[in-house]
Every structure is written in structure tokens, then in C-alpha cells.
Amino acid sequence: MRRTLVLNASFEPLATVTLRRAVVLVLQGKAEAEQAHPGLRIRAGTVEMPVPLVIRLRRYVKVPFRQRAPWSRRGVLVRDRHRCAYCGRRATTVDHVVPRSRGGGDTWLNTVAACREDNNRKADRTPAQAGMRLLSQPFEPTPADALLAAVGADRGTAALPEWLGAVRGG
């Protein structure tokens, strides 16, 4: 299912919408296409237009302040680009740096993507206790970063470079 990224008039990522909703917003003049899928077009009646990848609202929409991106297992895998934080191979699970049994929880700063082998090898220990080293430190993505990463993951990529130019106003 094709999703389209919606940017505020200030180029701030807001949400994703269905292709149908994106086309309606463009045809109603409420948004303009910033990026389009190369070579794909929509034809209906007397209307023909490129398939929008990113649209930008013409008017600024005030958005309630979003403090944090919600944590999820899928979000951790996307944030870490499906790469194991211990060996760099393909990650399929999420590991708690400080195990839940030792007071660690489901937070951005306590979870990393891991391959099944390293997750089992670390077991119910901290990386130091297991003699393992993190290749990168976990971090908390901004809500906008989480949205862009999630949309990129829906398309099977870690990030969509053509979107990054649109988000930065380029």
C-alpha cells in the first residue's frame, strides 16, 4: 500500500496518508507535491498527474507539541536499521541493555536491535557482564525522525534520500 508523507508548510513532517488522500489534497489545492515517484502517473477522467511521494500543505497547521516518539520493538529495529548492536549482522530481535529482571525497561535508551545469536549469548546480563561491546549507543529519536524512519521502513529501506531533501526544504 502506497503511503505519502505530509509536510507542514514549514517542511516539518506531520504524518503519512494514503495515496488517495494525498491526491485529493493536491487536487483541492490544499497541498502541493514536493516529490513524486519517478515514472508513475495517476490517470482518471481528465486528470493526469505524477504519483506523489511527498506533499506539503499550503497553509501552516499548528500541531500540538509532541515531546517524545512512542517506543516500540519495530521502532527500535527501524532506528538501528535492522543491524545488530553487538556484531553488525542483520537484527531480528530487540535486546534490553539492562535486562528487565534487573530493573531495565522498554525505553529507547535501554533497548537495541540484536541478532538472535547475540541476544541469546548475552542472556540475562549486561553487555559488560557478558563480555560484549555495543557498536553504537542507543538514542531516543525525535518524533519527526521516528516518523521518517517508519515510513522508510514501510518501503523496505532504512531511509528515503529523496524525502530528506524535501524535508529540509531542498
Protein backbone atom coordinates (compact mmCIF):
# COMPACT_ATOMS: atom_id res chain seq x y z
CA MET A 1 0.00 0.00 0.00
CA ARG A 2 1.49 3.33 -1.03
CA ARG A 3 1.75 5.96 1.68
CA THR A 4 2.60 9.60 1.13
CA LEU A 5 4.50 11.79 3.56
CA VAL A 6 2.67 15.01 4.51
CA LEU A 7 4.80 18.02 5.41
CA ASN A 8 3.57 21.16 7.10
CA ALA A 9 4.00 24.43 5.21
CA SER A 10 7.24 24.81 7.22
CA PHE A 11 8.52 21.44 5.83
CA GLU A 12 8.04 19.73 9.22
CA PRO A 13 6.93 16.09 8.82
CA LEU A 14 3.35 15.70 10.08
CA ALA A 15 2.04 12.27 9.12
CA THR A 16 1.58 9.78 6.35
CA VAL A 17 -1.64 9.43 4.38
CA THR A 18 -2.95 7.06 1.75
CA LEU A 19 -2.17 7.81 -1.86
CA ARG A 20 -5.86 8.55 -2.42
CA ARG A 21 -5.94 11.16 0.38
CA ALA A 22 -2.73 12.76 -0.93
CA VAL A 23 -4.18 13.10 -4.43
CA VAL A 24 -7.38 14.63 -3.04
CA LEU A 25 -5.39 17.19 -1.01
CA VAL A 26 -3.38 18.17 -4.11
CA LEU A 27 -6.45 18.37 -6.37
CA GLN A 28 -8.31 20.51 -3.80
CA GLY A 29 -5.36 22.91 -3.74
CA LYS A 30 -4.70 22.27 -0.04
CA ALA A 31 -1.27 20.76 -0.74
CA GLU A 32 1.35 20.66 -3.45
CA ALA A 33 3.55 17.77 -4.49
CA GLU A 34 7.16 18.21 -3.39
CA GLN A 35 8.42 14.83 -4.63
CA ALA A 36 6.86 12.30 -6.98
CA HIS A 37 7.51 8.64 -7.75
CA PRO A 38 9.70 8.60 -10.87
CA GLY A 39 7.81 7.30 -13.87
CA LEU A 40 4.49 6.66 -12.09
CA ARG A 41 1.40 8.67 -13.03
CA ILE A 42 -2.26 8.72 -11.99
CA ARG A 43 -4.86 8.95 -14.74
CA ALA A 44 -8.56 9.42 -14.08
CA GLY A 45 -11.01 11.11 -16.38
CA THR A 46 -9.48 14.43 -17.41
CA VAL A 47 -6.86 14.38 -14.63
CA GLU A 48 -3.32 13.15 -15.06
CA MET A 49 -0.59 13.77 -12.51
CA PRO A 50 2.58 12.19 -11.08
CA VAL A 51 2.09 9.86 -8.09
CA PRO A 52 3.02 12.00 -5.06
CA LEU A 53 5.71 10.69 -2.71
CA VAL A 54 5.83 13.81 -0.51
CA ILE A 55 3.25 16.59 -0.32
CA ARG A 56 3.45 19.90 1.53
CA LEU A 57 0.43 21.71 2.93
CA ARG A 58 -0.04 25.21 1.53
CA ARG A 59 -1.16 26.60 4.89
CA TYR A 60 0.66 26.08 8.17
CA VAL A 61 -1.16 23.75 10.57
CA LYS A 62 -0.46 24.21 14.26
CA VAL A 63 0.35 20.83 15.78
CA PRO A 64 0.15 20.02 19.48
CA PHE A 65 3.64 19.71 20.96
CA ARG A 66 4.95 16.17 20.61
CA GLN A 67 7.51 15.54 23.31
CA ARG A 68 8.58 12.01 22.55
CA ALA A 69 8.37 9.31 19.96
CA PRO A 70 6.47 6.31 21.33
CA TRP A 71 8.72 3.29 22.00
CA SER A 72 8.09 0.07 20.10
CA ARG A 73 10.06 -3.03 19.16
CA ARG A 74 9.56 -2.22 15.49
CA GLY A 75 10.73 1.34 16.14
CA VAL A 76 13.97 0.10 17.73
CA LEU A 77 14.66 -2.18 14.74
CA VAL A 78 14.00 0.69 12.34
CA ARG A 79 16.09 3.15 14.40
CA ASP A 80 19.03 0.71 14.34
CA ARG A 81 18.44 -0.10 10.65
CA HIS A 82 17.91 -3.78 11.44
CA ARG A 83 21.61 -4.12 12.34
CA CYS A 84 22.77 -5.93 15.47
CA ALA A 85 24.26 -3.52 18.01
CA TYR A 86 26.81 -6.18 19.01
CA CYS A 87 28.09 -7.69 15.74
CA GLY A 88 26.55 -5.60 12.92
CA ARG A 89 24.75 -8.53 11.25
CA ARG A 90 21.02 -8.49 10.43
CA ALA A 91 18.96 -7.98 13.60
CA THR A 92 15.64 -9.71 14.15
CA THR A 93 15.10 -9.14 17.88
CA VAL A 94 15.33 -6.38 20.46
CA ASP A 95 17.73 -6.70 23.40
CA HIS A 96 17.49 -4.89 26.73
CA VAL A 97 20.90 -3.43 27.59
CA VAL A 98 19.98 -3.65 31.27
CA PRO A 99 17.73 -6.74 31.48
CA ARG A 100 14.17 -6.24 32.65
CA SER A 101 14.85 -8.61 35.55
CA ARG A 102 17.50 -6.14 36.75
CA GLY A 103 15.36 -3.04 36.56
CA GLY A 104 15.73 -2.20 32.87
CA GLY A 105 12.62 -1.42 30.89
CA ASP A 106 11.22 -0.88 27.44
CA THR A 107 12.78 2.51 26.69
CA TRP A 108 14.69 3.93 23.73
CA LEU A 109 17.86 4.25 25.80
CA ASN A 110 17.73 0.69 27.17
CA THR A 111 16.96 -1.27 24.01
CA VAL A 112 18.96 -2.09 20.90
CA ALA A 113 18.43 -4.23 17.83
CA ALA A 114 20.20 -7.60 18.07
CA CYS A 115 20.62 -10.80 16.13
CA ARG A 116 19.17 -13.87 17.82
CA GLU A 117 22.62 -15.38 18.48
CA ASP A 118 23.95 -12.32 20.34
CA ASN A 119 20.68 -11.83 22.21
CA ASN A 120 20.90 -15.44 23.46
CA ARG A 121 24.63 -15.15 24.24
CA LYS A 122 24.10 -12.00 26.32
CA ALA A 123 21.13 -13.62 28.06
CA ASP A 124 20.11 -12.05 31.39
CA ARG A 125 23.29 -9.99 31.80
CA THR A 126 24.55 -6.53 30.99
CA PRO A 127 26.92 -6.24 28.00
CA ALA A 128 29.89 -5.77 30.39
CA GLN A 129 28.99 -8.91 32.34
CA ALA A 130 28.68 -10.87 29.10
CA GLY A 131 31.99 -9.51 27.75
CA MET A 132 30.20 -7.85 24.82
CA ARG A 133 30.61 -4.36 23.43
CA LEU A 134 27.94 -2.14 21.86
CA LEU A 135 28.93 -0.92 18.40
CA SER A 136 26.65 2.10 18.82
CA GLN A 137 24.85 3.65 21.75
CA PRO A 138 21.05 3.62 21.86
CA PHE A 139 19.37 7.00 21.47
CA GLU A 140 15.88 8.43 21.54
CA PRO A 141 14.72 9.60 18.11
CA THR A 142 12.70 12.78 17.77
CA PRO A 143 9.06 12.29 16.76
CA ALA A 144 9.90 13.59 13.27
CA ASP A 145 12.86 11.19 12.95
CA ALA A 146 10.69 8.28 14.09
CA LEU A 147 8.03 9.18 11.52
CA LEU A 148 10.53 9.40 8.66
CA ALA A 149 12.24 6.16 9.68
CA ALA A 150 8.95 4.32 9.99
CA VAL A 151 7.78 5.47 6.58
CA GLY A 152 11.13 4.46 5.07
CA ALA A 153 10.83 1.05 6.73
CA ASP A 154 7.38 0.59 5.21
CA ARG A 155 9.04 0.84 1.82
CA GLY A 156 11.80 -1.60 2.75
CA THR A 157 14.59 0.96 3.11
CA ALA A 158 16.41 2.45 6.07
CA ALA A 159 15.73 5.97 4.81
CA LEU A 160 14.50 7.61 1.65
CA PRO A 161 17.12 10.08 0.42
CA GLU A 162 14.71 11.87 -1.94
CA TRP A 163 12.47 12.62 1.05
CA LEU A 164 15.28 14.08 3.09
CA GLY A 165 15.76 16.84 0.51
CA ALA A 166 12.05 17.68 0.65
CA VAL A 167 12.03 17.72 4.44
CA ARG A 168 15.00 20.08 4.55
CA GLY A 169 13.40 22.38 2.02
CA GLY A 170 15.67 21.40 -0.85
